[in-house]
Amino acid sequence: MSFWQHNLEENVSRQPWTAQGFNKVLLDSARAGAAGVMAHIIRFAPQRVVYMSCNPMTLARDSQALLTSGYQLERVTMLDMFPHTGHLESMVLFSRK
């Protein structure tokens, strides 16, 4: 089993690990979301994608890209990682139909 991490602000398509393929993605996006890599993730067609987000608007936008590409929403969980604030983290599990 291998694990890879990458800064989403850099070009994903030129990374050596992309040639190996993968079946799962854990995406912990910045507040601005992951619009720049959604096409890459969809092209790689992992079986499952876990998307973590602190911004419901960018989560909704990026989720739409997965949903229209053949993924289905399996589970949504909210995490209160910052007690005593109004901020919540969302974790969404998508799987290929």
Protein backbone atom coordinates (compact mmCIF):
# COMPACT_ATOMS: atom_id res chain seq x y z
CA MET A 1 0.00 0.00 0.00
CA SER A 2 1.31 3.43 -0.92
CA PHE A 3 0.34 6.91 0.19
CA TRP A 4 1.04 10.15 -1.64
CA GLN A 5 0.45 13.76 -0.71
CA HIS A 6 0.56 16.83 -2.87
CA ASN A 7 0.02 20.56 -2.63
CA LEU A 8 -3.05 21.37 -4.72
CA GLU A 9 -1.61 24.73 -5.70
CA GLU A 10 0.99 22.92 -7.81
CA ASN A 11 0.41 21.09 -11.11
CA VAL A 12 -0.86 17.61 -10.25
CA SER A 13 -0.59 16.16 -13.75
CA ARG A 14 3.22 16.31 -13.76
CA GLN A 15 3.70 14.30 -10.58
CA PRO A 16 5.36 10.88 -11.01
CA TRP A 17 2.76 9.17 -8.80
CA THR A 18 -0.06 10.03 -11.21
CA ALA A 19 1.27 7.47 -13.73
CA GLN A 20 0.80 4.69 -11.15
CA GLY A 21 -2.90 5.31 -10.72
CA PHE A 22 -4.79 4.95 -7.47
CA ASN A 23 -8.20 3.84 -6.24
CA LYS A 24 -8.80 6.18 -3.30
CA VAL A 25 -8.37 9.92 -2.77
CA LEU A 26 -8.42 11.84 0.50
CA LEU A 27 -8.84 15.48 -0.46
CA ASP A 28 -8.47 18.07 2.30
CA SER A 29 -8.99 21.29 0.41
CA ALA A 30 -8.24 24.87 1.37
CA ARG A 31 -11.15 27.27 1.88
CA ALA A 32 -11.05 28.08 -1.85
CA GLY A 33 -11.84 24.44 -2.65
CA ALA A 34 -10.27 22.15 -5.20
CA ALA A 35 -11.70 23.31 -8.53
CA GLY A 36 -8.26 23.15 -10.13
CA VAL A 37 -7.81 19.42 -9.49
CA MET A 38 -11.35 18.06 -9.80
CA ALA A 39 -10.85 17.28 -13.49
CA HIS A 40 -7.66 15.36 -12.66
CA ILE A 41 -9.37 13.36 -9.94
CA ILE A 42 -12.27 12.52 -12.23
CA ARG A 43 -9.88 11.49 -15.01
CA PHE A 44 -7.96 9.17 -12.63
CA ALA A 45 -11.35 7.61 -11.69
CA PRO A 46 -10.61 6.44 -8.15
CA GLN A 47 -13.23 4.13 -6.64
CA ARG A 48 -13.67 6.36 -3.58
CA VAL A 49 -13.10 10.02 -2.80
CA VAL A 50 -13.22 11.48 0.71
CA TYR A 51 -13.51 15.25 0.49
CA MET A 52 -12.85 17.35 3.61
CA SER A 53 -13.91 20.97 3.54
CA CYS A 54 -14.33 23.97 5.80
CA ASN A 55 -16.35 25.88 3.20
CA PRO A 56 -19.85 24.63 2.29
CA MET A 57 -19.94 26.71 -0.91
CA THR A 58 -16.78 25.26 -2.44
CA LEU A 59 -17.73 21.79 -1.20
CA ALA A 60 -21.05 22.07 -3.06
CA ARG A 61 -19.33 23.31 -6.23
CA ASP A 62 -16.68 20.56 -6.23
CA SER A 63 -19.20 17.87 -5.24
CA GLN A 64 -21.25 18.71 -8.31
CA ALA A 65 -18.27 17.88 -10.52
CA LEU A 66 -18.02 14.42 -8.93
CA LEU A 67 -21.77 13.77 -9.01
CA THR A 68 -22.08 14.61 -12.71
CA SER A 69 -19.10 12.35 -13.46
CA GLY A 70 -20.62 9.15 -12.13
CA TYR A 71 -19.95 9.36 -8.40
CA GLN A 72 -22.62 9.01 -5.76
CA LEU A 73 -22.67 10.51 -2.31
CA GLU A 74 -22.35 7.75 0.30
CA ARG A 75 -22.00 9.59 3.59
CA VAL A 76 -21.70 13.09 5.06
CA THR A 77 -20.24 13.81 8.48
CA MET A 78 -19.75 17.13 10.23
CA LEU A 79 -16.78 17.57 12.57
CA ASP A 80 -16.53 20.28 15.21
CA MET A 81 -12.77 20.66 15.18
CA PHE A 82 -12.90 24.22 16.49
CA PRO A 83 -15.10 24.22 19.61
CA HIS A 84 -16.67 27.50 20.69
CA THR A 85 -16.64 28.83 17.10
CA GLY A 86 -19.16 28.65 14.29
CA HIS A 87 -16.76 26.70 12.08
CA LEU A 88 -17.40 23.09 11.13
CA GLU A 89 -15.46 20.70 8.92
CA SER A 90 -17.41 18.56 6.49
CA MET A 91 -16.32 15.11 5.37
CA VAL A 92 -18.07 13.61 2.37
CA LEU A 93 -17.55 10.11 0.99
CA PHE A 94 -18.18 9.61 -2.73
CA SER A 95 -17.98 6.31 -4.57
CA ARG A 96 -18.13 5.39 -8.24
CA LYS A 97 -21.47 3.99 -9.32
